[in-house]
C-alpha atoms as a PDB file:
ATOM      1  CA  MET A   1     -20.264  28.715 -23.826  1.00  0.00           C
ATOM      2  CA  TYR A   2     -23.370  30.759 -23.379  1.00  0.00           C
ATOM      3  CA  VAL A   3     -24.128  32.091 -19.912  1.00  0.00           C
ATOM      4  CA  THR A   4     -27.156  34.145 -20.916  1.00  0.00           C
ATOM      5  CA  ILE A   5     -29.876  33.790 -23.518  1.00  0.00           C
ATOM      6  CA  SER A   6     -28.789  37.210 -24.755  1.00  0.00           C
ATOM      7  CA  ASP A   7     -25.285  35.838 -25.444  1.00  0.00           C
ATOM      8  CA  PHE A   8     -26.745  33.040 -27.511  1.00  0.00           C
ATOM      9  CA  ILE A   9     -29.177  35.291 -29.394  1.00  0.00           C
ATOM     10  CA  LYS A  10     -26.349  37.642 -30.330  1.00  0.00           C
ATOM     11  CA  GLU A  11     -24.335  34.804 -31.856  1.00  0.00           C
ATOM     12  CA  TRP A  12     -27.423  33.169 -33.387  1.00  0.00           C
ATOM     13  CA  ASN A  13     -28.387  36.401 -35.139  1.00  0.00           C
ATOM     14  CA  ARG A  14     -24.839  36.907 -36.446  1.00  0.00           C
ATOM     15  CA  GLU A  15     -24.616  33.356 -37.823  1.00  0.00           C
ATOM     16  CA  ALA A  16     -28.136  33.585 -39.259  1.00  0.00           C
ATOM     17  CA  MET A  17     -27.175  36.803 -41.070  1.00  0.00           C
ATOM     18  CA  LEU A  18     -24.065  35.134 -42.546  1.00  0.00           C
ATOM     19  CA  THR A  19     -26.096  32.100 -43.590  1.00  0.00           C
ATOM     20  CA  GLN A  20     -28.758  34.352 -45.088  1.00  0.00           C
ATOM     21  CA  LYS A  21     -26.112  36.028 -47.263  1.00  0.00           C
ATOM     22  CA  VAL A  22     -25.084  32.625 -48.597  1.00  0.00           C
ATOM     23  CA  LEU A  23     -28.680  31.558 -49.240  1.00  0.00           C
ATOM     24  CA  ASP A  24     -29.568  34.864 -50.898  1.00  0.00           C
ATOM     25  CA  GLY A  25     -26.810  34.221 -53.466  1.00  0.00           C
ATOM     26  CA  LEU A  26     -28.288  30.937 -54.665  1.00  0.00           C
ATOM     27  CA  THR A  27     -30.038  30.489 -57.984  1.00  0.00           C
ATOM     28  CA  ASP A  28     -32.706  27.955 -58.848  1.00  0.00           C
ATOM     29  CA  ASP A  29     -30.209  26.142 -61.102  1.00  0.00           C
ATOM     30  CA  SER A  30     -27.574  26.017 -58.350  1.00  0.00           C
ATOM     31  CA  LEU A  31     -29.945  23.996 -56.166  1.00  0.00           C
ATOM     32  CA  LYS A  32     -29.333  21.013 -58.454  1.00  0.00           C
ATOM     33  CA  GLN A  33     -25.563  20.950 -57.841  1.00  0.00           C
ATOM     34  CA  GLN A  34     -24.629  17.605 -56.304  1.00  0.00           C
ATOM     35  CA  VAL A  35     -21.782  16.571 -54.055  1.00  0.00           C
ATOM     36  CA  TYR A  36     -21.363  13.458 -56.237  1.00  0.00           C
ATOM     37  CA  PRO A  37     -23.798  11.613 -58.565  1.00  0.00           C
ATOM     38  CA  GLU A  38     -25.680   9.790 -55.785  1.00  0.00           C
ATOM     39  CA  GLY A  39     -25.155  12.535 -53.221  1.00  0.00           C
ATOM     40  CA  ARG A  40     -27.359  15.263 -51.847  1.00  0.00           C
ATOM     41  CA  THR A  41     -27.919  18.392 -53.863  1.00  0.00           C
ATOM     42  CA  LEU A  42     -27.103  21.901 -52.713  1.00  0.00           C
ATOM     43  CA  GLY A  43     -30.859  22.483 -52.427  1.00  0.00           C
ATOM     44  CA  ARG A  44     -31.335  19.365 -50.262  1.00  0.00           C
ATOM     45  CA  ILE A  45     -28.559  20.465 -47.883  1.00  0.00           C
ATOM     46  CA  ALA A  46     -29.885  24.033 -47.581  1.00  0.00           C
ATOM     47  CA  TRP A  47     -33.425  22.778 -47.048  1.00  0.00           C
ATOM     48  CA  HIS A  48     -32.202  20.210 -44.497  1.00  0.00           C
ATOM     49  CA  PHE A  49     -30.556  22.715 -42.164  1.00  0.00           C
ATOM     50  CA  THR A  50     -33.438  25.160 -42.608  1.00  0.00           C
ATOM     51  CA  THR A  51     -36.176  22.693 -41.742  1.00  0.00           C
ATOM     52  CA  ASN A  52     -34.053  21.056 -39.048  1.00  0.00           C
ATOM     53  CA  ILE A  53     -34.088  24.180 -36.849  1.00  0.00           C
ATOM     54  CA  PRO A  54     -37.620  23.681 -35.471  1.00  0.00           C
ATOM     55  CA  ASP A  55     -37.173  19.881 -35.430  1.00  0.00           C
ATOM     56  CA  TYR A  56     -34.031  20.272 -33.320  1.00  0.00           C
ATOM     57  CA  LEU A  57     -35.530  22.794 -30.911  1.00  0.00           C
ATOM     58  CA  THR A  58     -38.757  20.848 -30.383  1.00  0.00           C
ATOM     59  CA  HIS A  59     -36.711  17.704 -29.728  1.00  0.00           C
ATOM     60  CA  PHE A  60     -35.163  19.533 -26.772  1.00  0.00           C
ATOM     61  CA  GLY A  61     -38.440  20.747 -25.288  1.00  0.00           C
ATOM     62  CA  LEU A  62     -39.128  24.050 -26.998  1.00  0.00           C
ATOM     63  CA  GLU A  63     -42.471  24.623 -28.698  1.00  0.00           C
ATOM     64  CA  MET A  64     -42.098  25.829 -32.270  1.00  0.00           C
ATOM     65  CA  LYS A  65     -44.072  25.306 -35.451  1.00  0.00           C
ATOM     66  CA  LYS A  66     -42.343  22.909 -37.818  1.00  0.00           C
ATOM     67  CA  VAL A  67     -41.900  23.718 -41.511  1.00  0.00           C
ATOM     68  CA  ASP A  68     -44.810  22.481 -43.635  1.00  0.00           C
ATOM     69  CA  ASN A  69     -43.897  19.989 -46.338  1.00  0.00           C
ATOM     70  CA  ALA A  70     -40.333  19.758 -45.001  1.00  0.00           C
ATOM     71  CA  GLN A  71     -39.625  16.514 -46.844  1.00  0.00           C
ATOM     72  CA  ASN A  72     -39.990  18.180 -50.276  1.00  0.00           C
ATOM     73  CA  VAL A  73     -37.104  20.386 -51.333  1.00  0.00           C
ATOM     74  CA  PRO A  74     -38.378  23.516 -53.099  1.00  0.00           C
ATOM     75  CA  SER A  75     -37.130  24.190 -56.631  1.00  0.00           C
ATOM     76  CA  SER A  76     -36.957  27.892 -55.781  1.00  0.00           C
ATOM     77  CA  ALA A  77     -33.815  29.288 -54.160  1.00  0.00           C
ATOM     78  CA  LYS A  78     -35.848  32.293 -53.050  1.00  0.00           C
ATOM     79  CA  GLU A  79     -38.286  30.052 -51.175  1.00  0.00           C
ATOM     80  CA  ILE A  80     -35.449  28.351 -49.298  1.00  0.00           C
ATOM     81  CA  ALA A  81     -33.863  31.705 -48.410  1.00  0.00           C
ATOM     82  CA  GLU A  82     -37.184  33.184 -47.266  1.00  0.00           C
ATOM     83  CA  THR A  83     -38.011  30.102 -45.210  1.00  0.00           C
ATOM     84  CA  PHE A  84     -34.616  30.226 -43.493  1.00  0.00           C
ATOM     85  CA  LYS A  85     -35.118  33.914 -42.675  1.00  0.00           C
ATOM     86  CA  LYS A  86     -38.533  33.207 -41.163  1.00  0.00           C
ATOM     87  CA  VAL A  87     -37.481  30.083 -39.253  1.00  0.00           C
ATOM     88  CA  SER A  88     -34.289  31.591 -37.839  1.00  0.00           C
ATOM     89  CA  ALA A  89     -36.215  34.636 -36.569  1.00  0.00           C
ATOM     90  CA  GLU A  90     -38.887  32.380 -35.042  1.00  0.00           C
ATOM     91  CA  ALA A  91     -36.183  30.277 -33.367  1.00  0.00           C
ATOM     92  CA  SER A  92     -34.693  33.367 -31.777  1.00  0.00           C
ATOM     93  CA  GLN A  93     -38.097  34.438 -30.442  1.00  0.00           C
ATOM     94  CA  THR A  94     -38.943  30.927 -29.251  1.00  0.00           C
ATOM     95  CA  ILE A  95     -35.733  30.622 -27.243  1.00  0.00           C
ATOM     96  CA  LYS A  96     -36.118  34.108 -25.736  1.00  0.00           C
ATOM     97  CA  GLN A  97     -39.704  33.410 -24.731  1.00  0.00           C
ATOM     98  CA  GLN A  98     -39.406  29.841 -23.475  1.00  0.00           C
ATOM     99  CA  TRP A  99     -35.982  29.572 -21.854  1.00  0.00           C
ATOM    100  CA  THR A 100     -34.291  31.697 -19.209  1.00  0.00           C
ATOM    101  CA  ASP A 101     -30.628  32.171 -18.404  1.00  0.00           C
ATOM    102  CA  ASN A 102     -31.050  29.396 -15.824  1.00  0.00           C
ATOM    103  CA  SER A 103     -32.376  27.061 -18.534  1.00  0.00           C
ATOM    104  CA  LEU A 104     -28.955  27.101 -20.168  1.00  0.00           C
ATOM    105  CA  SER A 105     -27.363  25.094 -17.340  1.00  0.00           C
ATOM    106  CA  GLN A 106     -30.068  22.413 -17.322  1.00  0.00           C
ATOM    107  CA  ILE A 107     -28.884  19.032 -18.570  1.00  0.00           C
ATOM    108  CA  GLN A 108     -30.611  16.871 -21.173  1.00  0.00           C
ATOM    109  CA  LYS A 109     -29.761  13.697 -23.039  1.00  0.00           C
ATOM    110  CA  ALA A 110     -28.484  14.744 -26.458  1.00  0.00           C
ATOM    111  CA  PHE A 111     -27.196  12.328 -29.077  1.00  0.00           C
ATOM    112  CA  GLY A 112     -26.304   9.667 -26.536  1.00  0.00           C
ATOM    113  CA  ARG A 113     -24.630  11.938 -23.990  1.00  0.00           C
ATOM    114  CA  GLU A 114     -25.599  14.464 -21.360  1.00  0.00           C
ATOM    115  CA  GLU A 115     -25.312  18.098 -22.408  1.00  0.00           C
ATOM    116  CA  THR A 116     -26.406  21.411 -21.008  1.00  0.00           C
ATOM    117  CA  ASN A 117     -28.967  23.386 -22.942  1.00  0.00           C
ATOM    118  CA  ALA A 118     -26.168  25.850 -23.712  1.00  0.00           C
ATOM    119  CA  GLN A 119     -24.217  23.015 -25.363  1.00  0.00           C
ATOM    120  CA  ILE A 120     -27.336  21.933 -27.220  1.00  0.00           C
ATOM    121  CA  LEU A 121     -27.800  25.448 -28.613  1.00  0.00           C
ATOM    122  CA  MET A 122     -24.132  25.556 -29.598  1.00  0.00           C
ATOM    123  CA  GLY A 123     -24.703  22.264 -31.414  1.00  0.00           C
ATOM    124  CA  LEU A 124     -27.499  23.848 -33.444  1.00  0.00           C
ATOM    125  CA  ILE A 125     -25.215  26.652 -34.579  1.00  0.00           C
ATOM    126  CA  LYS A 126     -22.417  24.212 -35.388  1.00  0.00           C
ATOM    127  CA  HIS A 127     -24.819  22.107 -37.439  1.00  0.00           C
ATOM    128  CA  ILE A 128     -25.765  25.086 -39.592  1.00  0.00           C
ATOM    129  CA  VAL A 129     -22.148  26.255 -39.911  1.00  0.00           C
ATOM    130  CA  HIS A 130     -21.105  22.747 -40.980  1.00  0.00           C
ATOM    131  CA  HIS A 131     -23.691  22.619 -43.753  1.00  0.00           C
ATOM    132  CA  ARG A 132     -23.075  26.247 -44.744  1.00  0.00           C
ATOM    133  CA  GLY A 133     -19.476  25.230 -45.438  1.00  0.00           C
ATOM    134  CA  GLN A 134     -20.716  22.450 -47.690  1.00  0.00           C
ATOM    135  CA  LEU A 135     -22.878  24.963 -49.541  1.00  0.00           C
ATOM    136  CA  THR A 136     -19.982  27.288 -50.247  1.00  0.00           C
ATOM    137  CA  ILE A 137     -18.093  24.485 -52.011  1.00  0.00           C
ATOM    138  CA  LEU A 138     -21.149  23.481 -54.040  1.00  0.00           C
ATOM    139  CA  ILE A 139     -21.846  27.124 -54.896  1.00  0.00           C
ATOM    140  CA  ARG A 140     -18.364  27.378 -56.380  1.00  0.00           C
ATOM    141  CA  GLN A 141     -18.885  24.088 -58.269  1.00  0.00           C
ATOM    142  CA  ALA A 142     -22.185  25.462 -59.594  1.00  0.00           C
ATOM    143  CA  GLY A 143     -20.251  28.340 -61.164  1.00  0.00           C
ATOM    144  CA  LEU A 144     -21.343  31.019 -58.704  1.00  0.00           C
ATOM    145  CA  LYS A 145     -19.231  33.244 -56.477  1.00  0.00           C
ATOM    146  CA  PRO A 146     -19.793  32.345 -52.832  1.00  0.00           C
ATOM    147  CA  SER A 147     -20.613  35.042 -50.325  1.00  0.00           C
ATOM    148  CA  GLY A 148     -17.879  35.903 -47.864  1.00  0.00           C
ATOM    149  CA  VAL A 149     -18.610  34.424 -44.462  1.00  0.00           C
ATOM    150  CA  TYR A 150     -15.651  34.734 -42.086  1.00  0.00           C
ATOM    151  CA  GLY A 151     -13.529  36.326 -44.780  1.00  0.00           C
ATOM    152  CA  PRO A 152     -13.803  37.336 -48.410  1.00  0.00           C
ATOM    153  CA  PRO A 153     -13.968  34.867 -51.286  1.00  0.00           C
ATOM    154  CA  LYS A 154     -10.945  34.883 -53.576  1.00  0.00           C
ATOM    155  CA  GLU A 155     -12.589  37.294 -56.042  1.00  0.00           C
ATOM    156  CA  ASP A 156     -12.976  39.972 -53.369  1.00  0.00           C
ATOM    157  CA  TRP A 157      -9.338  39.942 -52.267  1.00  0.00           C
ATOM    158  CA  VAL A 158      -8.454  41.943 -55.386  1.00  0.00           C
ATOM    159  CA  ASN A 159     -10.901  44.670 -54.315  1.00  0.00           C
ATOM    160  CA  LEU A 160      -8.993  44.803 -51.037  1.00  0.00           C
ATOM    161  CA  GLY A 161      -5.738  45.401 -52.890  1.00  0.00           C
ATOM    162  CA  VAL A 162      -4.398  41.879 -52.404  1.00  0.00           C
ATOM    163  CA  GLU A 163      -3.167  40.418 -55.697  1.00  0.00           C
ATOM    164  CA  ASN A 164      -2.035  37.059 -54.305  1.00  0.00           C
ATOM    165  CA  PRO A 165      -4.608  36.090 -51.665  1.00  0.00           C
ATOM    166  CA  PRO A 166      -3.604  33.672 -48.922  1.00  0.00           C
ATOM    167  CA  LEU A 167      -4.467  30.049 -49.565  1.00  0.00           C
END
């Protein structure tokens, strides 16, 4: 758990960079890839976790500008990627400016239970990581090679000299 804002920002920036790599690999066509016929599209999921960042933070008392027109998923992968980059940087600044290390131990009601602000921030990262995992599956289904996140995709194992990558 985070003890300092600096600890959180370090992890936030690392996860944002990994998410940015995934988003930067999207194409406009890939945004249409669906989980199943009635399910959300890759674009809807990416736009959801992008626009949710300021919604989430403002819900827990931070002041941050929300994404304009958040209910309409862009048809441009570049727009989603650029919006995520902007919003994740703004989130980092907002947290640094508005909360202190002591703020992390304060308790709030979150999703029906009491959590510290540190737990709430961890929840934001987990939310993005959860949806980023969904994206990597849909990226593969859309015929694209996913970006490596915590390890290389299967195509990159060969470049590392591994002919039979672990499953």
